[in-house]
Amino acid sequence: MEDKYIEDIVVRYIKEGDVISVGSSELGNKFIKRIALALEEKDIPIFNVEFVPTSLRNATIAASVGLPIADINDKEVDVAIEFVDQVDNNYNFIKRNSSSLVRDKMIAQSAGTLVVIADEKNFVDKLKGTIPFEVAPFGWRRTMNQLDSFGKANIRKEKTRPVKTESGNYIIDVYVDNIFSYDELEYDSKNIPGVLETGLFLGYADKIVLHGKKLQLLSRTEYK
């Protein structure tokens, strides 16, 4: 995403006094720094905006740029920002780059407004491709074998070891060529013992920001 779009997004969706959160990802971490910079440039006191982190990494970054840290147990999130890999016109999306799908989905569910940001090339009629699943380490091979019924399943690795989420779980990536029913996939996969959460977010988004040659802003209730 080009830097020139950041201020527009921040000013449009984040206001003084908001409790905000940004989903766990490398793009999210960069965005946190830009939020703080935009707030400073607009002379909005940073202490009037609180930040609910979804990972140790973005908590550290938020603290380093002066964003006060809040706990999701104590605060309601007003606005959450998510960088996503695919989004459709029904406001469903797939997120693959996450340090904890469990945490990201908790934020998505609890946020007053969820703004999802995607490349315009990834705005699709129908979601497909790789869907990540956060699974318990115990018996993960058995869980992976069961997830294989939905498509080709592979444990996500860094070098030779499984990647661990911040919650201490593993990620299994499943390539699904054609999703006949999002709801059935979500329901059936979560009925597998060991599956804790999925990277399929159904109906959570309130706003969609598409970036490319220009910025496109979509809303559930209006186009603007």
Protein backbone atom coordinates (compact mmCIF):
# COMPACT_ATOMS: atom_id res chain seq x y z
CA MET A 1 0.00 0.00 0.00
CA GLU A 2 1.30 3.44 -0.93
CA ASP A 3 2.06 5.83 1.92
CA LYS A 4 -0.19 8.52 0.44
CA TYR A 5 -3.26 6.41 1.24
CA ILE A 6 -2.46 5.90 4.91
CA GLU A 7 -3.44 9.35 6.16
CA ASP A 8 -6.73 9.19 4.27
CA ILE A 9 -7.62 5.88 5.92
CA VAL A 10 -6.57 7.01 9.41
CA VAL A 11 -8.43 10.33 9.26
CA ARG A 12 -11.52 8.73 7.71
CA TYR A 13 -11.95 5.86 10.16
CA ILE A 14 -10.09 6.71 13.40
CA LYS A 15 -11.18 9.58 15.59
CA GLU A 16 -9.93 11.05 18.84
CA GLY A 17 -10.71 8.89 21.86
CA ASP A 18 -11.10 5.64 19.90
CA VAL A 19 -9.89 2.27 21.11
CA ILE A 20 -8.24 0.74 18.05
CA SER A 21 -6.67 -2.55 17.04
CA VAL A 22 -4.66 -3.73 14.06
CA GLY A 23 -4.53 -7.39 13.07
CA SER A 24 -1.30 -9.30 13.47
CA SER A 25 0.82 -9.19 10.29
CA GLU A 26 3.91 -7.44 8.97
CA LEU A 27 1.75 -4.95 7.08
CA GLY A 28 -0.23 -4.36 10.25
CA ASN A 29 2.95 -3.61 12.18
CA LYS A 30 3.96 -1.00 9.60
CA PHE A 31 0.49 0.51 9.72
CA ILE A 32 0.70 1.01 13.50
CA LYS A 33 3.70 3.30 13.05
CA ARG A 34 1.86 5.24 10.38
CA ILE A 35 -1.20 5.64 12.60
CA ALA A 36 0.96 7.30 15.27
CA LEU A 37 2.62 9.54 12.68
CA ALA A 38 -0.71 10.59 11.16
CA LEU A 39 -2.14 11.36 14.59
CA GLU A 40 0.86 13.54 15.40
CA GLU A 41 0.66 15.40 12.09
CA LYS A 42 -3.03 16.08 12.63
CA ASP A 43 -2.31 17.34 16.16
CA ILE A 44 -4.53 14.64 17.68
CA PRO A 45 -3.12 13.78 21.14
CA ILE A 46 -1.95 10.17 21.05
CA PHE A 47 -2.96 9.58 24.67
CA ASN A 48 -6.59 9.99 23.60
CA VAL A 49 -6.32 6.92 21.37
CA GLU A 50 -5.78 3.52 22.97
CA PHE A 51 -4.46 0.41 21.26
CA VAL A 52 -5.46 -3.23 21.83
CA PRO A 53 -2.59 -5.43 20.56
CA THR A 54 -3.08 -8.82 18.93
CA SER A 55 0.56 -9.86 19.22
CA LEU A 56 3.66 -9.15 21.27
CA ARG A 57 5.24 -7.64 18.17
CA ASN A 58 2.55 -5.06 17.51
CA ALA A 59 2.28 -4.32 21.26
CA THR A 60 6.00 -3.52 21.27
CA ILE A 61 5.71 -1.34 18.18
CA ALA A 62 2.66 0.51 19.52
CA ALA A 63 4.41 1.24 22.82
CA SER A 64 7.55 2.42 20.99
CA VAL A 65 5.58 5.05 19.05
CA GLY A 66 3.64 6.23 22.08
CA LEU A 67 0.27 4.51 21.66
CA PRO A 68 -1.18 3.63 25.09
CA ILE A 69 -1.89 -0.09 25.43
CA ALA A 70 -5.35 -1.34 26.43
CA ASP A 71 -6.62 -4.83 27.31
CA ILE A 72 -9.49 -6.42 25.40
CA ASN A 73 -10.85 -7.64 28.75
CA ASP A 74 -11.25 -4.04 29.88
CA LYS A 75 -12.02 -2.12 26.68
CA GLU A 76 -14.39 -2.38 23.74
CA VAL A 77 -12.63 -1.95 20.39
CA ASP A 78 -14.13 0.92 18.38
CA VAL A 79 -12.21 0.37 15.15
CA ALA A 80 -10.12 -2.59 13.98
CA ILE A 81 -7.96 -2.62 10.85
CA GLU A 82 -7.17 -5.88 9.04
CA PHE A 83 -4.91 -6.48 6.05
CA VAL A 84 -6.41 -9.42 4.16
CA ASP A 85 -5.44 -11.68 1.29
CA GLN A 86 -8.83 -11.97 -0.39
CA VAL A 87 -12.20 -10.30 0.11
CA ASP A 88 -15.51 -10.75 -1.70
CA ASN A 89 -18.48 -8.46 -2.30
CA ASN A 90 -20.37 -10.09 0.57
CA TYR A 91 -17.73 -8.82 3.02
CA ASN A 92 -16.22 -12.27 3.63
CA PHE A 93 -12.44 -12.51 3.62
CA ILE A 94 -9.43 -14.79 4.00
CA LYS A 95 -6.46 -13.87 6.15
CA ARG A 96 -3.31 -15.98 5.76
CA ASN A 97 -0.56 -13.92 7.37
CA SER A 98 -1.36 -14.03 11.08
CA SER A 99 0.49 -14.63 14.32
CA SER A 100 -2.77 -15.81 15.90
CA LEU A 101 -6.02 -16.47 14.07
CA VAL A 102 -7.74 -16.94 17.44
CA ARG A 103 -6.82 -13.42 18.54
CA ASP A 104 -7.56 -11.85 15.17
CA LYS A 105 -11.04 -13.37 15.06
CA MET A 106 -11.79 -12.25 18.62
CA ILE A 107 -10.93 -8.69 17.59
CA ALA A 108 -12.94 -8.96 14.37
CA GLN A 109 -15.98 -10.16 16.28
CA SER A 110 -15.78 -7.55 19.02
CA ALA A 111 -14.91 -4.44 16.96
CA GLY A 112 -17.55 -1.76 16.51
CA THR A 113 -16.24 -1.22 12.98
CA LEU A 114 -13.94 -3.61 11.12
CA VAL A 115 -12.08 -2.09 8.18
CA VAL A 116 -10.41 -4.60 5.88
CA ILE A 117 -7.68 -3.53 3.47
CA ALA A 118 -6.76 -5.49 0.35
CA ASP A 119 -5.11 -5.06 -3.00
CA GLU A 120 -7.77 -4.34 -5.63
CA LYS A 121 -6.62 -7.48 -7.50
CA ASN A 122 -7.77 -9.55 -4.53
CA PHE A 123 -11.38 -8.30 -4.56
CA VAL A 124 -13.13 -11.40 -5.92
CA ASP A 125 -16.58 -12.78 -6.64
CA LYS A 126 -15.81 -15.99 -4.78
CA LEU A 127 -13.10 -16.82 -2.24
CA LYS A 128 -10.74 -19.67 -3.03
CA GLY A 129 -7.17 -20.80 -2.61
CA THR A 130 -5.24 -21.42 0.59
CA ILE A 131 -7.11 -21.20 3.89
CA PRO A 132 -5.10 -21.39 7.13
CA PHE A 133 -6.30 -23.27 10.20
CA GLU A 134 -4.91 -22.74 13.69
CA VAL A 135 -4.66 -26.15 15.35
CA ALA A 136 -3.55 -27.62 18.66
CA PRO A 137 -0.02 -29.08 18.59
CA PHE A 138 -1.28 -32.30 20.22
CA GLY A 139 -2.10 -34.80 17.48
CA TRP A 140 -1.57 -32.25 14.72
CA ARG A 141 -0.86 -34.93 12.10
CA ARG A 142 -4.21 -36.52 12.81
CA THR A 143 -5.88 -33.12 12.54
CA MET A 144 -4.08 -32.44 9.26
CA ASN A 145 -5.23 -35.78 7.82
CA GLN A 146 -8.83 -34.83 8.59
CA LEU A 147 -8.43 -31.34 7.10
CA ASP A 148 -7.13 -33.04 3.96
CA SER A 149 -10.75 -33.91 3.16
CA PHE A 150 -11.32 -30.24 2.24
CA GLY A 151 -8.24 -29.92 0.02
CA LYS A 152 -4.48 -30.43 0.06
CA ALA A 153 -3.30 -29.81 3.64
CA ASN A 154 0.25 -28.94 4.74
CA ILE A 155 1.73 -27.91 8.06
CA ARG A 156 3.27 -24.42 7.87
CA LYS A 157 6.98 -24.58 8.62
CA GLU A 158 9.90 -22.26 9.24
CA LYS A 159 12.94 -24.17 8.04
CA THR A 160 12.24 -27.67 9.41
CA ARG A 161 9.96 -26.91 12.35
CA PRO A 162 6.25 -26.09 12.47
CA VAL A 163 5.49 -22.39 12.79
CA LYS A 164 4.02 -21.56 16.19
CA THR A 165 1.37 -18.91 16.73
CA GLU A 166 1.61 -16.53 19.68
CA SER A 167 -0.91 -18.78 21.41
CA GLY A 168 1.52 -21.69 21.03
CA ASN A 169 -0.47 -23.46 18.32
CA TYR A 170 0.36 -24.62 14.78
CA ILE A 171 -0.93 -23.43 11.39
CA ILE A 172 -2.11 -25.89 8.75
CA ASP A 173 -2.66 -24.46 5.26
CA VAL A 174 -5.35 -26.11 3.14
CA TYR A 175 -5.64 -25.36 -0.57
CA VAL A 176 -9.34 -25.28 -1.46
CA ASP A 177 -9.94 -24.92 -5.18
CA ASN A 178 -13.67 -24.23 -4.92
CA ILE A 179 -15.63 -23.46 -1.76
CA PHE A 180 -19.20 -24.65 -2.29
CA SER A 181 -20.41 -23.32 1.07
CA TYR A 182 -18.38 -21.01 3.30
CA ASP A 183 -20.64 -21.73 6.27
CA GLU A 184 -20.34 -25.50 5.88
CA LEU A 185 -16.56 -25.33 5.57
CA GLU A 186 -16.34 -23.19 8.72
CA TYR A 187 -18.75 -25.43 10.65
CA ASP A 188 -17.39 -28.79 9.49
CA SER A 189 -13.74 -27.86 10.02
CA LYS A 190 -14.40 -26.64 13.56
CA ASN A 191 -16.04 -29.96 14.35
CA ILE A 192 -12.64 -31.60 13.89
CA PRO A 193 -11.00 -32.06 17.31
CA GLY A 194 -7.82 -29.99 17.29
CA VAL A 195 -9.04 -27.22 14.99
CA LEU A 196 -9.16 -24.03 17.05
CA GLU A 197 -9.82 -21.34 14.44
CA THR A 198 -9.83 -20.69 10.72
CA GLY A 199 -8.57 -17.92 8.47
CA LEU A 200 -12.04 -17.66 6.92
CA PHE A 201 -13.85 -14.57 8.25
CA LEU A 202 -17.52 -14.65 7.30
CA GLY A 203 -19.46 -11.40 7.33
CA TYR A 204 -17.20 -9.63 9.83
CA ALA A 205 -16.12 -6.73 7.62
CA ASP A 206 -17.99 -3.42 7.79
CA LYS A 207 -15.77 -1.42 5.43
CA ILE A 208 -13.53 -2.51 2.56
CA VAL A 209 -10.57 -0.45 1.39
CA LEU A 210 -9.12 -1.52 -1.97
CA HIS A 211 -5.78 -0.06 -3.00
CA GLY A 212 -4.16 -0.02 -6.41
CA LYS A 213 -4.01 2.82 -8.92
CA LYS A 214 -6.50 4.60 -6.68
CA LEU A 215 -8.20 4.07 -3.33
CA GLN A 216 -11.67 2.51 -3.43
CA LEU A 217 -13.82 2.66 -0.30
CA LEU A 218 -16.79 0.31 0.13
CA SER A 219 -19.29 0.14 2.98
CA ARG A 220 -22.05 -2.29 3.91
CA THR A 221 -24.55 0.55 4.20
CA GLU A 222 -23.34 3.01 1.60
CA TYR A 223 -20.73 3.61 -1.07
CA LYS A 224 -18.23 6.33 -0.28
